[in-house]
PDB file of N, CA and C in Angstrom:
ATOM      1  N   UNK A   1       1.961  18.169  29.359  1.00  0.00           N
ATOM      2  CA  UNK A   1       1.514  17.644  28.083  1.00  0.00           C
ATOM      3  C   UNK A   1       2.629  17.808  27.055  1.00  0.00           C
ATOM      4  N   UNK A   2       2.782  16.819  26.215  1.00  0.00           N
ATOM      5  CA  UNK A   2       3.781  16.857  25.151  1.00  0.00           C
ATOM      6  C   UNK A   2       3.116  17.348  23.872  1.00  0.00           C
ATOM      7  N   UNK A   3       3.341  18.607  23.535  1.00  0.00           N
ATOM      8  CA  UNK A   3       2.700  19.210  22.367  1.00  0.00           C
ATOM      9  C   UNK A   3       3.322  18.765  21.051  1.00  0.00           C
ATOM     10  N   UNK A   4       4.478  18.121  21.098  1.00  0.00           N
ATOM     11  CA  UNK A   4       5.083  17.663  19.849  1.00  0.00           C
ATOM     12  C   UNK A   4       4.237  16.569  19.188  1.00  0.00           C
ATOM     13  N   UNK A   5       3.336  15.932  19.955  1.00  0.00           N
ATOM     14  CA  UNK A   5       2.437  14.934  19.386  1.00  0.00           C
ATOM     15  C   UNK A   5       1.463  15.557  18.390  1.00  0.00           C
ATOM     16  N   UNK A   6       1.290  16.867  18.474  1.00  0.00           N
ATOM     17  CA  UNK A   6       0.358  17.561  17.593  1.00  0.00           C
ATOM     18  C   UNK A   6       0.946  17.812  16.206  1.00  0.00           C
ATOM     19  N   UNK A   7       2.262  17.654  16.073  1.00  0.00           N
ATOM     20  CA  UNK A   7       2.890  17.864  14.769  1.00  0.00           C
ATOM     21  C   UNK A   7       2.473  16.767  13.815  1.00  0.00           C
ATOM     22  N   UNK A   8       2.118  17.150  12.628  1.00  0.00           N
ATOM     23  CA  UNK A   8       1.666  16.200  11.622  1.00  0.00           C
ATOM     24  C   UNK A   8       2.875  15.653  10.863  1.00  0.00           C
ATOM     25  N   UNK A   9       2.930  14.348  10.733  1.00  0.00           N
ATOM     26  CA  UNK A   9       3.989  13.716   9.960  1.00  0.00           C
ATOM     27  C   UNK A   9       3.649  13.873   8.485  1.00  0.00           C
ATOM     28  N   UNK A  10       4.601  14.346   7.725  1.00  0.00           N
ATOM     29  CA  UNK A  10       4.415  14.444   6.276  1.00  0.00           C
ATOM     30  C   UNK A  10       5.154  13.265   5.652  1.00  0.00           C
ATOM     31  N   UNK A  11       4.385  12.349   5.072  1.00  0.00           N
ATOM     32  CA  UNK A  11       4.973  11.151   4.488  1.00  0.00           C
ATOM     33  C   UNK A  11       5.784  11.515   3.256  1.00  0.00           C
ATOM     34  N   UNK A  12       7.024  11.085   3.262  1.00  0.00           N
ATOM     35  CA  UNK A  12       7.900  11.315   2.120  1.00  0.00           C
ATOM     36  C   UNK A  12       8.538   9.981   1.762  1.00  0.00           C
ATOM     37  N   UNK A  13       8.019   9.372   0.718  1.00  0.00           N
ATOM     38  CA  UNK A  13       8.506   8.064   0.308  1.00  0.00           C
ATOM     39  C   UNK A  13       9.582   8.247  -0.752  1.00  0.00           C
ATOM     40  N   UNK A  14      10.807   7.887  -0.413  1.00  0.00           N
ATOM     41  CA  UNK A  14      11.943   8.181  -1.289  1.00  0.00           C
ATOM     42  C   UNK A  14      12.103   7.195  -2.441  1.00  0.00           C
ATOM     43  N   UNK A  15      11.471   6.017  -2.380  1.00  0.00           N
ATOM     44  CA  UNK A  15      11.641   5.019  -3.431  1.00  0.00           C
ATOM     45  C   UNK A  15      10.478   4.962  -4.420  1.00  0.00           C
ATOM     46  N   UNK A  16       9.442   5.730  -4.169  1.00  0.00           N
ATOM     47  CA  UNK A  16       8.273   5.697  -5.047  1.00  0.00           C
ATOM     48  C   UNK A  16       8.594   6.398  -6.364  1.00  0.00           C
ATOM     49  N   UNK A  17       8.149   5.805  -7.437  1.00  0.00           N
ATOM     50  CA  UNK A  17       8.363   6.375  -8.767  1.00  0.00           C
ATOM     51  C   UNK A  17       7.099   7.118  -9.190  1.00  0.00           C
ATOM     52  N   UNK A  18       7.264   8.138 -10.030  1.00  0.00           N
ATOM     53  CA  UNK A  18       6.131   8.950 -10.462  1.00  0.00           C
ATOM     54  C   UNK A  18       5.527   8.401 -11.745  1.00  0.00           C
ATOM     55  N   UNK A  19       4.255   8.737 -11.941  1.00  0.00           N
ATOM     56  CA  UNK A  19       3.530   8.433 -13.181  1.00  0.00           C
ATOM     57  C   UNK A  19       3.545   6.951 -13.538  1.00  0.00           C
ATOM     58  N   UNK A  20       3.361   6.110 -12.549  1.00  0.00           N
ATOM     59  CA  UNK A  20       3.294   4.678 -12.804  1.00  0.00           C
ATOM     60  C   UNK A  20       1.891   4.284 -13.246  1.00  0.00           C
ATOM     61  N   UNK A  21       1.780   3.234 -14.044  1.00  0.00           N
ATOM     62  CA  UNK A  21       0.451   2.754 -14.411  1.00  0.00           C
ATOM     63  C   UNK A  21      -0.218   2.075 -13.218  1.00  0.00           C
ATOM     64  N   UNK A  22      -1.528   2.069 -13.227  1.00  0.00           N
ATOM     65  CA  UNK A  22      -2.293   1.334 -12.226  1.00  0.00           C
ATOM     66  C   UNK A  22      -2.598  -0.042 -12.782  1.00  0.00           C
ATOM     67  N   UNK A  23      -2.445  -1.047 -11.943  1.00  0.00           N
ATOM     68  CA  UNK A  23      -2.827  -2.401 -12.325  1.00  0.00           C
ATOM     69  C   UNK A  23      -4.049  -2.815 -11.531  1.00  0.00           C
ATOM     70  N   UNK A  24      -4.877  -3.635 -12.156  1.00  0.00           N
ATOM     71  CA  UNK A  24      -6.048  -4.205 -11.499  1.00  0.00           C
ATOM     72  C   UNK A  24      -5.690  -5.595 -10.998  1.00  0.00           C
ATOM     73  N   UNK A  25      -6.568  -6.158 -10.205  1.00  0.00           N
ATOM     74  CA  UNK A  25      -6.291  -7.454  -9.589  1.00  0.00           C
ATOM     75  C   UNK A  25      -6.055  -8.534 -10.641  1.00  0.00           C
ATOM     76  N   UNK A  26      -6.680  -8.439 -11.788  1.00  0.00           N
ATOM     77  CA  UNK A  26      -6.472  -9.432 -12.849  1.00  0.00           C
ATOM     78  C   UNK A  26      -5.082  -9.332 -13.475  1.00  0.00           C
ATOM     79  N   UNK A  27      -4.383  -8.220 -13.253  1.00  0.00           N
ATOM     80  CA  UNK A  27      -3.071  -7.990 -13.859  1.00  0.00           C
ATOM     81  C   UNK A  27      -1.899  -8.368 -12.951  1.00  0.00           C
ATOM     82  N   UNK A  28      -2.183  -8.810 -11.726  1.00  0.00           N
ATOM     83  CA  UNK A  28      -1.118  -9.145 -10.779  1.00  0.00           C
ATOM     84  C   UNK A  28      -1.198 -10.621 -10.409  1.00  0.00           C
ATOM     85  N   UNK A  29      -0.086 -11.147  -9.931  1.00  0.00           N
ATOM     86  CA  UNK A  29      -0.065 -12.522  -9.444  1.00  0.00           C
ATOM     87  C   UNK A  29      -0.570 -12.524  -8.006  1.00  0.00           C
ATOM     88  N   UNK A  30      -1.567 -13.330  -7.760  1.00  0.00           N
ATOM     89  CA  UNK A  30      -2.144 -13.394  -6.418  1.00  0.00           C
ATOM     90  C   UNK A  30      -1.216 -14.154  -5.475  1.00  0.00           C
ATOM     91  N   UNK A  31      -1.289 -13.772  -4.214  1.00  0.00           N
ATOM     92  CA  UNK A  31      -0.545 -14.410  -3.128  1.00  0.00           C
ATOM     93  C   UNK A  31       0.965 -14.304  -3.294  1.00  0.00           C
ATOM     94  N   UNK A  32       1.421 -13.310  -4.045  1.00  0.00           N
ATOM     95  CA  UNK A  32       2.848 -13.011  -4.186  1.00  0.00           C
ATOM     96  C   UNK A  32       3.150 -11.784  -3.327  1.00  0.00           C
ATOM     97  N   UNK A  33       4.367 -11.686  -2.822  1.00  0.00           N
ATOM     98  CA  UNK A  33       4.761 -10.521  -2.029  1.00  0.00           C
ATOM     99  C   UNK A  33       5.314  -9.454  -2.965  1.00  0.00           C
ATOM    100  N   UNK A  34       4.737  -8.263  -2.883  1.00  0.00           N
ATOM    101  CA  UNK A  34       5.209  -7.098  -3.630  1.00  0.00           C
ATOM    102  C   UNK A  34       5.785  -6.101  -2.631  1.00  0.00           C
ATOM    103  N   UNK A  35       6.916  -5.514  -2.969  1.00  0.00           N
ATOM    104  CA  UNK A  35       7.515  -4.501  -2.086  1.00  0.00           C
ATOM    105  C   UNK A  35       6.721  -3.206  -2.215  1.00  0.00           C
ATOM    106  N   UNK A  36       6.394  -2.604  -1.066  1.00  0.00           N
ATOM    107  CA  UNK A  36       5.680  -1.328  -1.033  1.00  0.00           C
ATOM    108  C   UNK A  36       6.703  -0.203  -1.035  1.00  0.00           C
ATOM    109  N   UNK A  37       6.595   0.703  -2.014  1.00  0.00           N
ATOM    110  CA  UNK A  37       7.486   1.861  -2.088  1.00  0.00           C
ATOM    111  C   UNK A  37       6.810   3.151  -1.655  1.00  0.00           C
ATOM    112  N   UNK A  38       5.513   3.114  -1.426  1.00  0.00           N
ATOM    113  CA  UNK A  38       4.800   4.299  -0.983  1.00  0.00           C
ATOM    114  C   UNK A  38       3.320   4.020  -0.803  1.00  0.00           C
ATOM    115  N   UNK A  39       2.700   4.793   0.061  1.00  0.00           N
ATOM    116  CA  UNK A  39       1.251   4.729   0.296  1.00  0.00           C
ATOM    117  C   UNK A  39       0.729   6.141   0.117  1.00  0.00           C
ATOM    118  N   UNK A  40      -0.255   6.301  -0.758  1.00  0.00           N
ATOM    119  CA  UNK A  40      -0.731   7.637  -1.119  1.00  0.00           C
ATOM    120  C   UNK A  40      -2.247   7.713  -1.069  1.00  0.00           C
ATOM    121  N   UNK A  41      -2.759   8.919  -0.935  1.00  0.00           N
ATOM    122  CA  UNK A  41      -4.204   9.133  -0.948  1.00  0.00           C
ATOM    123  C   UNK A  41      -4.555  10.168  -2.007  1.00  0.00           C
ATOM    124  N   UNK A  42      -5.733  10.012  -2.562  1.00  0.00           N
ATOM    125  CA  UNK A  42      -6.278  10.984  -3.507  1.00  0.00           C
ATOM    126  C   UNK A  42      -7.751  11.174  -3.189  1.00  0.00           C
ATOM    127  N   UNK A  43      -8.252  12.356  -3.482  1.00  0.00           N
ATOM    128  CA  UNK A  43      -9.678  12.599  -3.335  1.00  0.00           C
ATOM    129  C   UNK A  43     -10.371  12.140  -4.602  1.00  0.00           C
ATOM    130  N   UNK A  44     -11.219  11.155  -4.470  1.00  0.00           N
ATOM    131  CA  UNK A  44     -11.948  10.621  -5.606  1.00  0.00           C
ATOM    132  C   UNK A  44     -13.404  11.029  -5.566  1.00  0.00           C
ATOM    133  N   UNK A  45     -14.141  10.487  -6.482  1.00  0.00           N
ATOM    134  CA  UNK A  45     -15.570  10.788  -6.601  1.00  0.00           C
ATOM    135  C   UNK A  45     -16.337  10.419  -5.327  1.00  0.00           C
ATOM    136  N   UNK A  46     -15.895   9.346  -4.663  1.00  0.00           N
ATOM    137  CA  UNK A  46     -16.594   8.860  -3.478  1.00  0.00           C
ATOM    138  C   UNK A  46     -15.807   9.102  -2.198  1.00  0.00           C
ATOM    139  N   UNK A  47     -14.918  10.098  -2.202  1.00  0.00           N
ATOM    140  CA  UNK A  47     -14.136  10.423  -1.015  1.00  0.00           C
ATOM    141  C   UNK A  47     -12.682  10.023  -1.179  1.00  0.00           C
ATOM    142  N   UNK A  48     -11.981  10.001  -0.078  1.00  0.00           N
ATOM    143  CA  UNK A  48     -10.554   9.688  -0.103  1.00  0.00           C
ATOM    144  C   UNK A  48     -10.361   8.206  -0.383  1.00  0.00           C
ATOM    145  N   UNK A  49      -9.444   7.911  -1.302  1.00  0.00           N
ATOM    146  CA  UNK A  49      -9.064   6.528  -1.567  1.00  0.00           C
ATOM    147  C   UNK A  49      -7.541   6.441  -1.488  1.00  0.00           C
ATOM    148  N   UNK A  50      -7.067   5.276  -1.139  1.00  0.00           N
ATOM    149  CA  UNK A  50      -5.636   5.059  -0.977  1.00  0.00           C
ATOM    150  C   UNK A  50      -5.135   4.071  -2.022  1.00  0.00           C
ATOM    151  N   UNK A  51      -3.886   4.257  -2.405  1.00  0.00           N
ATOM    152  CA  UNK A  51      -3.228   3.310  -3.290  1.00  0.00           C
ATOM    153  C   UNK A  51      -1.784   3.164  -2.872  1.00  0.00           C
ATOM    154  N   UNK A  52      -1.176   2.070  -3.315  1.00  0.00           N
ATOM    155  CA  UNK A  52       0.219   1.794  -2.987  1.00  0.00           C
ATOM    156  C   UNK A  52       1.045   1.762  -4.266  1.00  0.00           C
ATOM    157  N   UNK A  53       2.282   2.179  -4.134  1.00  0.00           N
ATOM    158  CA  UNK A  53       3.265   2.065  -5.208  1.00  0.00           C
ATOM    159  C   UNK A  53       4.052   0.787  -4.925  1.00  0.00           C
ATOM    160  N   UNK A  54       4.017  -0.155  -5.869  1.00  0.00           N
ATOM    161  CA  UNK A  54       4.583  -1.484  -5.642  1.00  0.00           C
ATOM    162  C   UNK A  54       5.677  -1.811  -6.653  1.00  0.00           C
ATOM    163  N   UNK A  55       6.495  -2.796  -6.285  1.00  0.00           N
ATOM    164  CA  UNK A  55       7.511  -3.308  -7.214  1.00  0.00           C
ATOM    165  C   UNK A  55       7.738  -4.785  -6.966  1.00  0.00           C
ATOM    166  N   UNK A  56       8.067  -5.471  -8.049  1.00  0.00           N
ATOM    167  CA  UNK A  56       8.509  -6.861  -7.981  1.00  0.00           C
ATOM    168  C   UNK A  56       9.204  -7.175  -9.298  1.00  0.00           C
ATOM    169  N   UNK A  57      10.408  -7.689  -9.209  1.00  0.00           N
ATOM    170  CA  UNK A  57      11.161  -8.090 -10.400  1.00  0.00           C
ATOM    171  C   UNK A  57      11.238  -6.974 -11.440  1.00  0.00           C
ATOM    172  N   UNK A  58      11.611  -5.801 -11.041  1.00  0.00           N
ATOM    173  CA  UNK A  58      11.740  -4.626 -11.918  1.00  0.00           C
ATOM    174  C   UNK A  58      10.432  -4.216 -12.584  1.00  0.00           C
ATOM    175  N   UNK A  59       9.310  -4.642 -12.039  1.00  0.00           N
ATOM    176  CA  UNK A  59       7.990  -4.209 -12.500  1.00  0.00           C
ATOM    177  C   UNK A  59       7.452  -3.236 -11.452  1.00  0.00           C
ATOM    178  N   UNK A  60       7.274  -1.982 -11.834  1.00  0.00           N
ATOM    179  CA  UNK A  60       6.801  -0.944 -10.921  1.00  0.00           C
ATOM    180  C   UNK A  60       5.395  -0.523 -11.345  1.00  0.00           C
ATOM    181  N   UNK A  61       4.482  -0.437 -10.382  1.00  0.00           N
ATOM    182  CA  UNK A  61       3.108  -0.055 -10.696  1.00  0.00           C
ATOM    183  C   UNK A  61       2.394   0.409  -9.429  1.00  0.00           C
ATOM    184  N   UNK A  62       1.238   1.018  -9.627  1.00  0.00           N
ATOM    185  CA  UNK A  62       0.368   1.417  -8.525  1.00  0.00           C
ATOM    186  C   UNK A  62      -0.800   0.445  -8.448  1.00  0.00           C
ATOM    187  N   UNK A  63      -1.338   0.306  -7.231  1.00  0.00           N
ATOM    188  CA  UNK A  63      -2.468  -0.594  -7.015  1.00  0.00           C
ATOM    189  C   UNK A  63      -3.410   0.044  -6.004  1.00  0.00           C
ATOM    190  N   UNK A  64      -4.694   0.139  -6.365  1.00  0.00           N
ATOM    191  CA  UNK A  64      -5.697   0.692  -5.447  1.00  0.00           C
ATOM    192  C   UNK A  64      -5.929  -0.262  -4.286  1.00  0.00           C
ATOM    193  N   UNK A  65      -5.920   0.285  -3.082  1.00  0.00           N
ATOM    194  CA  UNK A  65      -6.225  -0.518  -1.906  1.00  0.00           C
ATOM    195  C   UNK A  65      -7.741  -0.624  -1.734  1.00  0.00           C
ATOM    196  N   UNK A  66      -8.208  -1.754  -1.214  1.00  0.00           N
ATOM    197  CA  UNK A  66      -9.633  -1.846  -0.891  1.00  0.00           C
ATOM    198  C   UNK A  66      -9.991  -0.836   0.203  1.00  0.00           C
ATOM    199  N   UNK A  67     -11.211  -0.349   0.187  1.00  0.00           N
ATOM    200  CA  UNK A  67     -11.602   0.685   1.159  1.00  0.00           C
ATOM    201  C   UNK A  67     -11.461   0.208   2.598  1.00  0.00           C
ATOM    202  N   UNK A  68     -11.500  -1.085   2.821  1.00  0.00           N
ATOM    203  CA  UNK A  68     -11.298  -1.620   4.165  1.00  0.00           C
ATOM    204  C   UNK A  68      -9.892  -1.386   4.696  1.00  0.00           C
ATOM    205  N   UNK A  69      -8.983  -0.961   3.833  1.00  0.00           N
ATOM    206  CA  UNK A  69      -7.603  -0.679   4.231  1.00  0.00           C
ATOM    207  C   UNK A  69      -7.350   0.809   4.467  1.00  0.00           C
ATOM    208  N   UNK A  70      -8.372   1.647   4.328  1.00  0.00           N
ATOM    209  CA  UNK A  70      -8.186   3.096   4.485  1.00  0.00           C
ATOM    210  C   UNK A  70      -7.596   3.471   5.836  1.00  0.00           C
ATOM    211  N   UNK A  71      -8.085   2.854   6.886  1.00  0.00           N
ATOM    212  CA  UNK A  71      -7.589   3.183   8.226  1.00  0.00           C
ATOM    213  C   UNK A  71      -6.113   2.789   8.372  1.00  0.00           C
ATOM    214  N   UNK A  72      -5.756   1.608   7.873  1.00  0.00           N
ATOM    215  CA  UNK A  72      -4.354   1.177   7.934  1.00  0.00           C
ATOM    216  C   UNK A  72      -3.465   2.094   7.109  1.00  0.00           C
ATOM    217  N   UNK A  73      -3.911   2.446   5.908  1.00  0.00           N
ATOM    218  CA  UNK A  73      -3.118   3.310   5.036  1.00  0.00           C
ATOM    219  C   UNK A  73      -2.920   4.690   5.660  1.00  0.00           C
ATOM    220  N   UNK A  74      -3.974   5.238   6.248  1.00  0.00           N
ATOM    221  CA  UNK A  74      -3.860   6.541   6.904  1.00  0.00           C
ATOM    222  C   UNK A  74      -2.887   6.469   8.080  1.00  0.00           C
ATOM    223  N   UNK A  75      -2.939   5.367   8.834  1.00  0.00           N
ATOM    224  CA  UNK A  75      -2.035   5.197   9.976  1.00  0.00           C
ATOM    225  C   UNK A  75      -0.583   5.110   9.502  1.00  0.00           C
ATOM    226  N   UNK A  76      -0.348   4.408   8.409  1.00  0.00           N
ATOM    227  CA  UNK A  76       1.015   4.296   7.873  1.00  0.00           C
ATOM    228  C   UNK A  76       1.531   5.666   7.454  1.00  0.00           C
ATOM    229  N   UNK A  77       0.707   6.417   6.737  1.00  0.00           N
ATOM    230  CA  UNK A  77       1.132   7.737   6.237  1.00  0.00           C
ATOM    231  C   UNK A  77       1.422   8.729   7.362  1.00  0.00           C
ATOM    232  N   UNK A  78       0.796   8.541   8.505  1.00  0.00           N
ATOM    233  CA  UNK A  78       0.975   9.493   9.601  1.00  0.00           C
ATOM    234  C   UNK A  78       1.978   9.016  10.650  1.00  0.00           C
ATOM    235  N   UNK A  79       2.660   7.924  10.374  1.00  0.00           N
ATOM    236  CA  UNK A  79       3.619   7.371  11.327  1.00  0.00           C
ATOM    237  C   UNK A  79       5.027   7.380  10.725  1.00  0.00           C
ATOM    238  N   UNK A  80       5.905   8.164  11.309  1.00  0.00           N
ATOM    239  CA  UNK A  80       7.269   8.314  10.780  1.00  0.00           C
ATOM    240  C   UNK A  80       8.021   6.996  10.738  1.00  0.00           C
ATOM    241  N   UNK A  81       7.833   6.136  11.738  1.00  0.00           N
ATOM    242  CA  UNK A  81       8.528   4.846  11.749  1.00  0.00           C
ATOM    243  C   UNK A  81       8.067   3.963  10.590  1.00  0.00           C
ATOM    244  N   UNK A  82       6.770   3.981  10.287  1.00  0.00           N
ATOM    245  CA  UNK A  82       6.251   3.198   9.169  1.00  0.00           C
ATOM    246  C   UNK A  82       6.795   3.717   7.843  1.00  0.00           C
ATOM    247  N   UNK A  83       6.820   5.030   7.686  1.00  0.00           N
ATOM    248  CA  UNK A  83       7.351   5.632   6.460  1.00  0.00           C
ATOM    249  C   UNK A  83       8.823   5.263   6.296  1.00  0.00           C
ATOM    250  N   UNK A  84       9.591   5.346   7.381  1.00  0.00           N
ATOM    251  CA  UNK A  84      11.013   4.981   7.319  1.00  0.00           C
ATOM    252  C   UNK A  84      11.202   3.505   6.978  1.00  0.00           C
ATOM    253  N   UNK A  85      10.354   2.640   7.542  1.00  0.00           N
ATOM    254  CA  UNK A  85      10.444   1.206   7.241  1.00  0.00           C
ATOM    255  C   UNK A  85      10.158   0.943   5.764  1.00  0.00           C
ATOM    256  N   UNK A  86       9.170   1.641   5.203  1.00  0.00           N
ATOM    257  CA  UNK A  86       8.881   1.502   3.773  1.00  0.00           C
ATOM    258  C   UNK A  86      10.067   1.998   2.955  1.00  0.00           C
ATOM    259  N   UNK A  87      10.626   3.128   3.348  1.00  0.00           N
ATOM    260  CA  UNK A  87      11.803   3.655   2.639  1.00  0.00           C
ATOM    261  C   UNK A  87      12.992   2.706   2.718  1.00  0.00           C
ATOM    262  N   UNK A  88      13.052   1.906   3.780  1.00  0.00           N
ATOM    263  CA  UNK A  88      14.134   0.927   3.943  1.00  0.00           C
ATOM    264  C   UNK A  88      13.811  -0.413   3.281  1.00  0.00           C
ATOM    265  N   UNK A  89      12.650  -0.504   2.608  1.00  0.00           N
ATOM    266  CA  UNK A  89      12.278  -1.729   1.905  1.00  0.00           C
ATOM    267  C   UNK A  89      11.781  -2.846   2.787  1.00  0.00           C
ATOM    268  N   UNK A  90      11.240  -2.505   3.953  1.00  0.00           N
ATOM    269  CA  UNK A  90      10.838  -3.514   4.929  1.00  0.00           C
ATOM    270  C   UNK A  90       9.349  -3.858   4.889  1.00  0.00           C
ATOM    271  N   UNK A  91       8.598  -3.266   3.973  1.00  0.00           N
ATOM    272  CA  UNK A  91       7.147  -3.477   3.935  1.00  0.00           C
ATOM    273  C   UNK A  91       6.743  -4.114   2.615  1.00  0.00           C
ATOM    274  N   UNK A  92       5.904  -5.120   2.711  1.00  0.00           N
ATOM    275  CA  UNK A  92       5.375  -5.766   1.519  1.00  0.00           C
ATOM    276  C   UNK A  92       3.884  -5.942   1.631  1.00  0.00           C
ATOM    277  N   UNK A  93       3.296  -6.388   0.542  1.00  0.00           N
ATOM    278  CA  UNK A  93       1.858  -6.595   0.506  1.00  0.00           C
ATOM    279  C   UNK A  93       1.567  -7.821  -0.356  1.00  0.00           C
ATOM    280  N   UNK A  94       0.597  -8.620   0.082  1.00  0.00           N
ATOM    281  CA  UNK A  94       0.093  -9.742  -0.707  1.00  0.00           C
ATOM    282  C   UNK A  94      -1.314  -9.383  -1.153  1.00  0.00           C
ATOM    283  N   UNK A  95      -1.611  -9.649  -2.401  1.00  0.00           N
ATOM    284  CA  UNK A  95      -2.923  -9.342  -2.959  1.00  0.00           C
ATOM    285  C   UNK A  95      -3.660 -10.655  -3.196  1.00  0.00           C
ATOM    286  N   UNK A  96      -4.893 -10.719  -2.739  1.00  0.00           N
ATOM    287  CA  UNK A  96      -5.720 -11.908  -2.900  1.00  0.00           C
ATOM    288  C   UNK A  96      -7.143 -11.505  -3.228  1.00  0.00           C
ATOM    289  N   UNK A  97      -7.943 -12.474  -3.597  1.00  0.00           N
ATOM    290  CA  UNK A  97      -9.371 -12.237  -3.827  1.00  0.00           C
ATOM    291  C   UNK A  97     -10.180 -13.196  -2.957  1.00  0.00           C
ATOM    292  N   UNK A  98     -11.411 -12.836  -2.747  1.00  0.00           N
ATOM    293  CA  UNK A  98     -12.349 -13.707  -2.031  1.00  0.00           C
ATOM    294  C   UNK A  98     -13.740 -13.445  -2.601  1.00  0.00           C
ATOM    295  N   UNK A  99     -14.632 -14.380  -2.396  1.00  0.00           N
ATOM    296  CA  UNK A  99     -16.001 -14.210  -2.878  1.00  0.00           C
ATOM    297  C   UNK A  99     -16.860 -13.645  -1.749  1.00  0.00           C
ATOM    298  N   UNK A 100     -17.496 -12.524  -2.011  1.00  0.00           N
ATOM    299  CA  UNK A 100     -18.393 -11.906  -1.042  1.00  0.00           C
ATOM    300  C   UNK A 100     -19.805 -12.449  -1.256  1.00  0.00           C
ATOM    301  N   UNK A 101     -20.312 -13.125  -0.249  1.00  0.00           N
ATOM    302  CA  UNK A 101     -21.691 -13.618  -0.323  1.00  0.00           C
ATOM    303  C   UNK A 101     -22.675 -12.458  -0.291  1.00  0.00           C
ATOM    304  N   UNK A 102     -22.322 -11.422   0.453  1.00  0.00           N
ATOM    305  CA  UNK A 102     -23.209 -10.264   0.584  1.00  0.00           C
ATOM    306  C   UNK A 102     -23.440  -9.589  -0.764  1.00  0.00           C
ATOM    307  N   UNK A 103     -22.358  -9.401  -1.542  1.00  0.00           N
ATOM    308  CA  UNK A 103     -22.461  -8.706  -2.828  1.00  0.00           C
ATOM    309  C   UNK A 103     -22.438  -9.672  -4.019  1.00  0.00           C
ATOM    310  N   UNK A 104     -22.241 -10.968  -3.740  1.00  0.00           N
ATOM    311  CA  UNK A 104     -22.195 -12.010  -4.756  1.00  0.00           C
ATOM    312  C   UNK A 104     -21.206 -11.671  -5.881  1.00  0.00           C
ATOM    313  N   UNK A 105     -19.971 -11.334  -5.477  1.00  0.00           N
ATOM    314  CA  UNK A 105     -18.930 -11.025  -6.452  1.00  0.00           C
ATOM    315  C   UNK A 105     -17.562 -11.240  -5.822  1.00  0.00           C
ATOM    316  N   UNK A 106     -16.551 -11.253  -6.683  1.00  0.00           N
ATOM    317  CA  UNK A 106     -15.176 -11.369  -6.221  1.00  0.00           C
ATOM    318  C   UNK A 106     -14.700 -10.010  -5.709  1.00  0.00           C
ATOM    319  N   UNK A 107     -14.042 -10.022  -4.560  1.00  0.00           N
ATOM    320  CA  UNK A 107     -13.527  -8.798  -3.956  1.00  0.00           C
ATOM    321  C   UNK A 107     -12.025  -8.957  -3.713  1.00  0.00           C
ATOM    322  N   UNK A 108     -11.364  -7.825  -3.514  1.00  0.00           N
ATOM    323  CA  UNK A 108      -9.916  -7.806  -3.304  1.00  0.00           C
ATOM    324  C   UNK A 108      -9.614  -7.700  -1.813  1.00  0.00           C
ATOM    325  N   UNK A 109      -8.612  -8.438  -1.389  1.00  0.00           N
ATOM    326  CA  UNK A 109      -8.114  -8.363  -0.028  1.00  0.00           C
ATOM    327  C   UNK A 109      -6.597  -8.231  -0.095  1.00  0.00           C
ATOM    328  N   UNK A 110      -6.017  -7.433   0.792  1.00  0.00           N
ATOM    329  CA  UNK A 110      -4.561  -7.329   0.856  1.00  0.00           C
ATOM    330  C   UNK A 110      -4.088  -7.671   2.257  1.00  0.00           C
ATOM    331  N   UNK A 111      -2.882  -8.195   2.316  1.00  0.00           N
ATOM    332  CA  UNK A 111      -2.253  -8.543   3.587  1.00  0.00           C
ATOM    333  C   UNK A 111      -0.907  -7.841   3.647  1.00  0.00           C
ATOM    334  N   UNK A 112      -0.690  -7.058   4.686  1.00  0.00           N
ATOM    335  CA  UNK A 112       0.588  -6.370   4.884  1.00  0.00           C
ATOM    336  C   UNK A 112       1.577  -7.371   5.466  1.00  0.00           C
ATOM    337  N   UNK A 113       2.805  -7.389   4.943  1.00  0.00           N
ATOM    338  CA  UNK A 113       3.809  -8.332   5.423  1.00  0.00           C
ATOM    339  C   UNK A 113       5.133  -7.610   5.655  1.00  0.00           C
ATOM    340  N   UNK A 114       5.934  -8.172   6.543  1.00  0.00           N
ATOM    341  CA  UNK A 114       7.296  -7.681   6.765  1.00  0.00           C
ATOM    342  C   UNK A 114       8.205  -8.350   5.753  1.00  0.00           C
ATOM    343  N   UNK A 115       9.100  -7.583   5.160  1.00  0.00           N
ATOM    344  CA  UNK A 115      10.039  -8.137   4.194  1.00  0.00           C
ATOM    345  C   UNK A 115      11.405  -8.298   4.863  1.00  0.00           C
ATOM    346  N   UNK A 116      11.923  -9.496   4.761  1.00  0.00           N
ATOM    347  CA  UNK A 116      13.270  -9.775   5.242  1.00  0.00           C
ATOM    348  C   UNK A 116      14.244  -9.472   4.111  1.00  0.00           C
ATOM    349  N   UNK A 117      15.453  -9.172   4.426  1.00  0.00           N
ATOM    350  CA  UNK A 117      16.457  -8.831   3.418  1.00  0.00           C
ATOM    351  C   UNK A 117      16.759  -9.987   2.471  1.00  0.00           C
ATOM    352  N   UNK A 118      16.392 -11.206   2.841  1.00  0.00           N
ATOM    353  CA  UNK A 118      16.717 -12.359   2.013  1.00  0.00           C
ATOM    354  C   UNK A 118      15.788 -12.505   0.811  1.00  0.00           C
ATOM    355  N   UNK A 119      14.665 -11.796   0.779  1.00  0.00           N
ATOM    356  CA  UNK A 119      13.753 -11.919  -0.348  1.00  0.00           C
ATOM    357  C   UNK A 119      14.349 -11.230  -1.576  1.00  0.00           C
ATOM    358  N   UNK A 120      14.313 -11.864  -2.721  1.00  0.00           N
ATOM    359  CA  UNK A 120      14.869 -11.248  -3.928  1.00  0.00           C
ATOM    360  C   UNK A 120      13.888 -10.266  -4.552  1.00  0.00           C
ATOM    361  N   UNK A 121      14.327  -9.011  -4.736  1.00  0.00           N
ATOM    362  CA  UNK A 121      13.503  -8.018  -5.422  1.00  0.00           C
ATOM    363  C   UNK A 121      14.323  -7.305  -6.425  1.00  0.00           C
TER     364      UNK A 121
END
């Protein structure tokens, strides 16, 4: 058995800035690619929630991920290759909305994307 698998990866995002404002979906351009500089978790009133540190055109901010992304965010934080890719600027996110018939309201959806070096940031 390989016991090194039991070691916990500690995510260290080198490009994330501290004390950034949080933006809501109404404050961002939908269907645009934002560079991800970090993925973080906090204990909130309703349990663990995740947010991303984003940038585009010298605009740096945090954005709450929808709860449906918790599993993906946790996987990214615990995977050294994913953390390194984010540190290398290779991860982006698109933010969109959709109408939920179940809740009869607009909801947020995000799409993780690979960033090529040719994209201007």
